[in-house]
Each structure stands twice: as C-alpha cells, then as structure tokens.
Amino acid sequence: SSEPLADLRGRSVAVPGGLTTARLL
C-alpha cells in the first residue's frame, strides 16, 4: 500500500488475475 493500513476491510485491492495462486492466498 502507499500508506499504512490497519486492515483491508472494505478496501480496493488490485490483483494479478483471478486464477493466480496469489489471488487464492
């Protein structure tokens, strides 16, 4: 992130594809 975040609830997160293992994790 560009600034500290307490958590990701309700946040927008860019992901490198819906079938990547990163997305699954």
PDB file of all heavy atoms in Angstrom:
ATOM      1  N   SER A   1       0.858  -1.185   0.000  1.00  0.00           N
ATOM      2  CA  SER A   1       0.000   0.000   0.000  1.00  0.00           C
ATOM      3  C   SER A   1       0.894   1.235   0.000  1.00  0.00           C
ATOM      4  O   SER A   1       2.105   1.147   0.245  1.00  0.00           O
ATOM      5  CB  SER A   1      -0.916   0.006   1.223  1.00  0.00           C
ATOM      6  OG  SER A   1      -0.148  -0.008   2.417  1.00  0.00           O
ATOM      7  N   SER A   2       0.300   2.378  -0.268  1.00  0.00           N
ATOM      8  CA  SER A   2       1.071   3.626  -0.283  1.00  0.00           C
ATOM      9  C   SER A   2       1.113   4.284   1.089  1.00  0.00           C
ATOM     10  O   SER A   2       1.910   5.201   1.315  1.00  0.00           O
ATOM     11  CB  SER A   2       0.493   4.596  -1.313  1.00  0.00           C
ATOM     12  OG  SER A   2      -0.864   4.892  -1.010  1.00  0.00           O
ATOM     13  N   GLU A   3       0.265   3.831   2.000  1.00  0.00           N
ATOM     14  CA  GLU A   3       0.251   4.331   3.371  1.00  0.00           C
ATOM     15  C   GLU A   3      -0.137   3.184   4.291  1.00  0.00           C
ATOM     16  O   GLU A   3      -0.750   2.204   3.851  1.00  0.00           O
ATOM     17  CB  GLU A   3      -0.734   5.491   3.521  1.00  0.00           C
ATOM     18  CG  GLU A   3      -2.162   5.136   3.160  1.00  0.00           C
ATOM     19  CD  GLU A   3      -3.108   6.330   3.217  1.00  0.00           C
ATOM     20  OE1 GLU A   3      -2.649   7.446   2.944  1.00  0.00           O
ATOM     21  OE2 GLU A   3      -4.293   6.129   3.542  1.00  0.00           O
ATOM     22  N   PRO A   4       0.211   3.254   5.570  1.00  0.00           N
ATOM     23  CA  PRO A   4      -0.111   2.148   6.480  1.00  0.00           C
ATOM     24  C   PRO A   4      -1.620   1.910   6.561  1.00  0.00           C
ATOM     25  O   PRO A   4      -2.410   2.858   6.632  1.00  0.00           O
ATOM     26  CB  PRO A   4       0.440   2.634   7.831  1.00  0.00           C
ATOM     27  CG  PRO A   4       1.487   3.635   7.473  1.00  0.00           C
ATOM     28  CD  PRO A   4       0.999   4.317   6.229  1.00  0.00           C
ATOM     29  N   LEU A   5      -2.007   0.630   6.543  1.00  0.00           N
ATOM     30  CA  LEU A   5      -3.413   0.245   6.645  1.00  0.00           C
ATOM     31  C   LEU A   5      -3.585  -0.692   7.839  1.00  0.00           C
ATOM     32  O   LEU A   5      -2.801  -1.629   8.014  1.00  0.00           O
ATOM     33  CB  LEU A   5      -3.879  -0.467   5.370  1.00  0.00           C
ATOM     34  CG  LEU A   5      -3.786   0.304   4.054  1.00  0.00           C
ATOM     35  CD1 LEU A   5      -4.162  -0.608   2.890  1.00  0.00           C
ATOM     36  CD2 LEU A   5      -4.677   1.529   4.082  1.00  0.00           C
ATOM     37  N   ALA A   6      -4.607  -0.440   8.631  1.00  0.00           N
ATOM     38  CA  ALA A   6      -4.877  -1.324   9.770  1.00  0.00           C
ATOM     39  C   ALA A   6      -5.321  -2.695   9.289  1.00  0.00           C
ATOM     40  O   ALA A   6      -4.918  -3.729   9.834  1.00  0.00           O
ATOM     41  CB  ALA A   6      -5.943  -0.704  10.674  1.00  0.00           C
ATOM     42  N   ASP A   7      -6.161  -2.723   8.260  1.00  0.00           N
ATOM     43  CA  ASP A   7      -6.613  -3.964   7.649  1.00  0.00           C
ATOM     44  C   ASP A   7      -7.162  -3.633   6.271  1.00  0.00           C
ATOM     45  O   ASP A   7      -7.129  -2.482   5.830  1.00  0.00           O
ATOM     46  CB  ASP A   7      -7.674  -4.670   8.518  1.00  0.00           C
ATOM     47  CG  ASP A   7      -8.873  -3.773   8.809  1.00  0.00           C
ATOM     48  OD1 ASP A   7      -9.466  -3.228   7.841  1.00  0.00           O
ATOM     49  OD2 ASP A   7      -9.221  -3.613   9.996  1.00  0.00           O
ATOM     50  N   LEU A   8      -7.689  -4.635   5.569  1.00  0.00           N
ATOM     51  CA  LEU A   8      -8.178  -4.448   4.199  1.00  0.00           C
ATOM     52  C   LEU A   8      -9.697  -4.455   4.094  1.00  0.00           C
ATOM     53  O   LEU A   8     -10.238  -4.481   2.986  1.00  0.00           O
ATOM     54  CB  LEU A   8      -7.597  -5.527   3.280  1.00  0.00           C
ATOM     55  CG  LEU A   8      -6.077  -5.534   3.125  1.00  0.00           C
ATOM     56  CD1 LEU A   8      -5.658  -6.656   2.189  1.00  0.00           C
ATOM     57  CD2 LEU A   8      -5.568  -4.193   2.618  1.00  0.00           C
ATOM     58  N   ARG A   9     -10.384  -4.413   5.197  1.00  0.00           N
ATOM     59  CA  ARG A   9     -11.848  -4.463   5.165  1.00  0.00           C
ATOM     60  C   ARG A   9     -12.403  -3.289   4.366  1.00  0.00           C
ATOM     61  O   ARG A   9     -12.110  -2.126   4.640  1.00  0.00           O
ATOM     62  CB  ARG A   9     -12.414  -4.429   6.583  1.00  0.00           C
ATOM     63  CG  ARG A   9     -12.075  -5.663   7.391  1.00  0.00           C
ATOM     64  CD  ARG A   9     -12.715  -5.640   8.764  1.00  0.00           C
ATOM     65  NE  ARG A   9     -12.287  -6.793   9.548  1.00  0.00           N
ATOM     66  CZ  ARG A   9     -12.805  -8.015   9.428  1.00  0.00           C
ATOM     67  NH1 ARG A   9     -13.778  -8.224   8.565  1.00  0.00           N
ATOM     68  NH2 ARG A   9     -12.349  -8.996  10.172  1.00  0.00           N
ATOM     69  N   GLY A  10     -13.209  -3.629   3.362  1.00  0.00           N
ATOM     70  CA  GLY A  10     -13.841  -2.612   2.537  1.00  0.00           C
ATOM     71  C   GLY A  10     -12.895  -1.884   1.600  1.00  0.00           C
ATOM     72  O   GLY A  10     -13.301  -0.928   0.927  1.00  0.00           O
ATOM     73  N   ARG A  11     -11.647  -2.349   1.505  1.00  0.00           N
ATOM     74  CA  ARG A  11     -10.656  -1.684   0.672  1.00  0.00           C
ATOM     75  C   ARG A  11     -10.669  -2.233  -0.754  1.00  0.00           C
ATOM     76  O   ARG A  11     -11.094  -3.370  -1.003  1.00  0.00           O
ATOM     77  CB  ARG A  11      -9.257  -1.885   1.257  1.00  0.00           C
ATOM     78  CG  ARG A  11      -9.076  -1.354   2.664  1.00  0.00           C
ATOM     79  CD  ARG A  11      -8.914   0.141   2.677  1.00  0.00           C
ATOM     80  NE  ARG A  11      -8.537   0.637   3.998  1.00  0.00           N
ATOM     81  CZ  ARG A  11      -8.210   1.893   4.249  1.00  0.00           C
ATOM     82  NH1 ARG A  11      -8.211   2.789   3.274  1.00  0.00           N
ATOM     83  NH2 ARG A  11      -7.901   2.267   5.475  1.00  0.00           N
ATOM     84  N   SER A  12     -10.171  -1.431  -1.685  1.00  0.00           N
ATOM     85  CA  SER A  12      -9.973  -1.894  -3.061  1.00  0.00           C
ATOM     86  C   SER A  12      -8.550  -2.422  -3.194  1.00  0.00           C
ATOM     87  O   SER A  12      -7.594  -1.776  -2.761  1.00  0.00           O
ATOM     88  CB  SER A  12     -10.203  -0.747  -4.048  1.00  0.00           C
ATOM     89  OG  SER A  12      -9.332   0.337  -3.790  1.00  0.00           O
ATOM     90  N   VAL A  13      -8.429  -3.610  -3.757  1.00  0.00           N
ATOM     91  CA  VAL A  13      -7.129  -4.260  -3.886  1.00  0.00           C
ATOM     92  C   VAL A  13      -6.949  -4.729  -5.329  1.00  0.00           C
ATOM     93  O   VAL A  13      -7.780  -5.479  -5.857  1.00  0.00           O
ATOM     94  CB  VAL A  13      -6.997  -5.464  -2.934  1.00  0.00           C
ATOM     95  CG1 VAL A  13      -5.621  -6.111  -3.081  1.00  0.00           C
ATOM     96  CG2 VAL A  13      -7.234  -5.039  -1.490  1.00  0.00           C
ATOM     97  N   ALA A  14      -5.873  -4.288  -5.959  1.00  0.00           N
ATOM     98  CA  ALA A  14      -5.550  -4.747  -7.311  1.00  0.00           C
ATOM     99  C   ALA A  14      -4.893  -6.117  -7.227  1.00  0.00           C
ATOM    100  O   ALA A  14      -3.990  -6.331  -6.416  1.00  0.00           O
ATOM    101  CB  ALA A  14      -4.612  -3.755  -7.992  1.00  0.00           C
ATOM    102  N   VAL A  15      -5.348  -7.043  -8.058  1.00  0.00           N
ATOM    103  CA  VAL A  15      -4.820  -8.411  -8.051  1.00  0.00           C
ATOM    104  C   VAL A  15      -4.385  -8.800  -9.461  1.00  0.00           C
ATOM    105  O   VAL A  15      -4.953  -8.340 -10.445  1.00  0.00           O
ATOM    106  CB  VAL A  15      -5.871  -9.415  -7.519  1.00  0.00           C
ATOM    107  CG1 VAL A  15      -6.245  -9.086  -6.090  1.00  0.00           C
ATOM    108  CG2 VAL A  15      -7.112  -9.435  -8.405  1.00  0.00           C
ATOM    109  N   PRO A  16      -3.357  -9.668  -9.565  1.00  0.00           N
ATOM    110  CA  PRO A  16      -2.805 -10.029 -10.877  1.00  0.00           C
ATOM    111  C   PRO A  16      -3.535 -11.197 -11.538  1.00  0.00           C
ATOM    112  O   PRO A  16      -2.925 -12.153 -11.989  1.00  0.00           O
ATOM    113  CB  PRO A  16      -1.363 -10.405 -10.529  1.00  0.00           C
ATOM    114  CG  PRO A  16      -1.490 -11.019  -9.176  1.00  0.00           C
ATOM    115  CD  PRO A  16      -2.572 -10.250  -8.466  1.00  0.00           C
ATOM    116  N   GLY A  17      -4.858 -11.148 -11.571  1.00  0.00           N
ATOM    117  CA  GLY A  17      -5.623 -12.204 -12.218  1.00  0.00           C
ATOM    118  C   GLY A  17      -6.384 -13.056 -11.236  1.00  0.00           C
ATOM    119  O   GLY A  17      -5.899 -13.357 -10.131  1.00  0.00           O
ATOM    120  N   GLY A  18      -7.581 -13.460 -11.637  1.00  0.00           N
ATOM    121  CA  GLY A  18      -8.465 -14.198 -10.753  1.00  0.00           C
ATOM    122  C   GLY A  18      -8.058 -15.627 -10.488  1.00  0.00           C
ATOM    123  O   GLY A  18      -8.538 -16.243  -9.538  1.00  0.00           O
ATOM    124  N   LEU A  19      -7.152 -16.200 -11.314  1.00  0.00           N
ATOM    125  CA  LEU A  19      -6.771 -17.603 -11.149  1.00  0.00           C
ATOM    126  C   LEU A  19      -5.337 -17.772 -10.672  1.00  0.00           C
ATOM    127  O   LEU A  19      -4.829 -18.889 -10.650  1.00  0.00           O
ATOM    128  CB  LEU A  19      -6.981 -18.366 -12.465  1.00  0.00           C
ATOM    129  CG  LEU A  19      -8.433 -18.623 -12.865  1.00  0.00           C
ATOM    130  CD1 LEU A  19      -8.503 -19.328 -14.210  1.00  0.00           C
ATOM    131  CD2 LEU A  19      -9.159 -19.453 -11.804  1.00  0.00           C
ATOM    132  N   THR A  20      -4.688 -16.682 -10.296  1.00  0.00           N
ATOM    133  CA  THR A  20      -3.349 -16.808  -9.737  1.00  0.00           C
ATOM    134  C   THR A  20      -3.420 -17.398  -8.335  1.00  0.00           C
ATOM    135  O   THR A  20      -4.422 -17.245  -7.625  1.00  0.00           O
ATOM    136  CB  THR A  20      -2.639 -15.445  -9.677  1.00  0.00           C
ATOM    137  OG1 THR A  20      -3.424 -14.558  -8.872  1.00  0.00           O
ATOM    138  CG2 THR A  20      -2.452 -14.858 -11.066  1.00  0.00           C
ATOM    139  N   THR A  21      -2.354 -18.061  -7.922  1.00  0.00           N
ATOM    140  CA  THR A  21      -2.301 -18.567  -6.557  1.00  0.00           C
ATOM    141  C   THR A  21      -2.261 -17.412  -5.566  1.00  0.00           C
ATOM    142  O   THR A  21      -2.772 -17.524  -4.443  1.00  0.00           O
ATOM    143  CB  THR A  21      -1.082 -19.480  -6.377  1.00  0.00           C
ATOM    144  OG1 THR A  21      -1.144 -20.528  -7.363  1.00  0.00           O
ATOM    145  CG2 THR A  21      -1.047 -20.110  -4.992  1.00  0.00           C
ATOM    146  N   ALA A  22      -1.681 -16.288  -5.974  1.00  0.00           N
ATOM    147  CA  ALA A  22      -1.681 -15.097  -5.126  1.00  0.00           C
ATOM    148  C   ALA A  22      -3.109 -14.692  -4.773  1.00  0.00           C
ATOM    149  O   ALA A  22      -3.412 -14.371  -3.614  1.00  0.00           O
ATOM    150  CB  ALA A  22      -0.953 -13.953  -5.835  1.00  0.00           C
ATOM    151  N   ARG A  23      -3.983 -14.705  -5.757  1.00  0.00           N
ATOM    152  CA  ARG A  23      -5.385 -14.356  -5.525  1.00  0.00           C
ATOM    153  C   ARG A  23      -6.042 -15.355  -4.568  1.00  0.00           C
ATOM    154  O   ARG A  23      -6.854 -14.975  -3.703  1.00  0.00           O
ATOM    155  CB  ARG A  23      -6.129 -14.306  -6.858  1.00  0.00           C
ATOM    156  CG  ARG A  23      -7.640 -14.164  -6.761  1.00  0.00           C
ATOM    157  CD  ARG A  23      -8.057 -12.848  -6.122  1.00  0.00           C
ATOM    158  NE  ARG A  23      -9.500 -12.744  -6.054  1.00  0.00           N
ATOM    159  CZ  ARG A  23     -10.254 -13.259  -5.085  1.00  0.00           C
ATOM    160  NH1 ARG A  23      -9.672 -13.940  -4.096  1.00  0.00           N
ATOM    161  NH2 ARG A  23     -11.559 -13.111  -5.094  1.00  0.00           N
ATOM    162  N   LEU A  24      -5.716 -16.616  -4.694  1.00  0.00           N
ATOM    163  CA  LEU A  24      -6.275 -17.633  -3.800  1.00  0.00           C
ATOM    164  C   LEU A  24      -5.792 -17.411  -2.367  1.00  0.00           C
ATOM    165  O   LEU A  24      -6.577 -17.501  -1.417  1.00  0.00           O
ATOM    166  CB  LEU A  24      -5.868 -19.028  -4.289  1.00  0.00           C
ATOM    167  CG  LEU A  24      -6.448 -20.219  -3.523  1.00  0.00           C
ATOM    168  CD1 LEU A  24      -7.961 -20.218  -3.567  1.00  0.00           C
ATOM    169  CD2 LEU A  24      -5.896 -21.533  -4.065  1.00  0.00           C
ATOM    170  N   LEU A  25      -4.511 -17.104  -2.211  1.00  0.00           N
ATOM    171  CA  LEU A  25      -3.975 -16.847  -0.872  1.00  0.00           C
ATOM    172  C   LEU A  25      -4.612 -15.616  -0.249  1.00  0.00           C
ATOM    173  O   LEU A  25      -4.879 -15.582   0.957  1.00  0.00           O
ATOM    174  CB  LEU A  25      -2.456 -16.667  -0.954  1.00  0.00           C
ATOM    175  CG  LEU A  25      -1.644 -17.916  -1.279  1.00  0.00           C
ATOM    176  CD1 LEU A  25      -0.212 -17.533  -1.621  1.00  0.00           C
ATOM    177  CD2 LEU A  25      -1.669 -18.910  -0.126  1.00  0.00           C
TER     178      LEU A  25
END
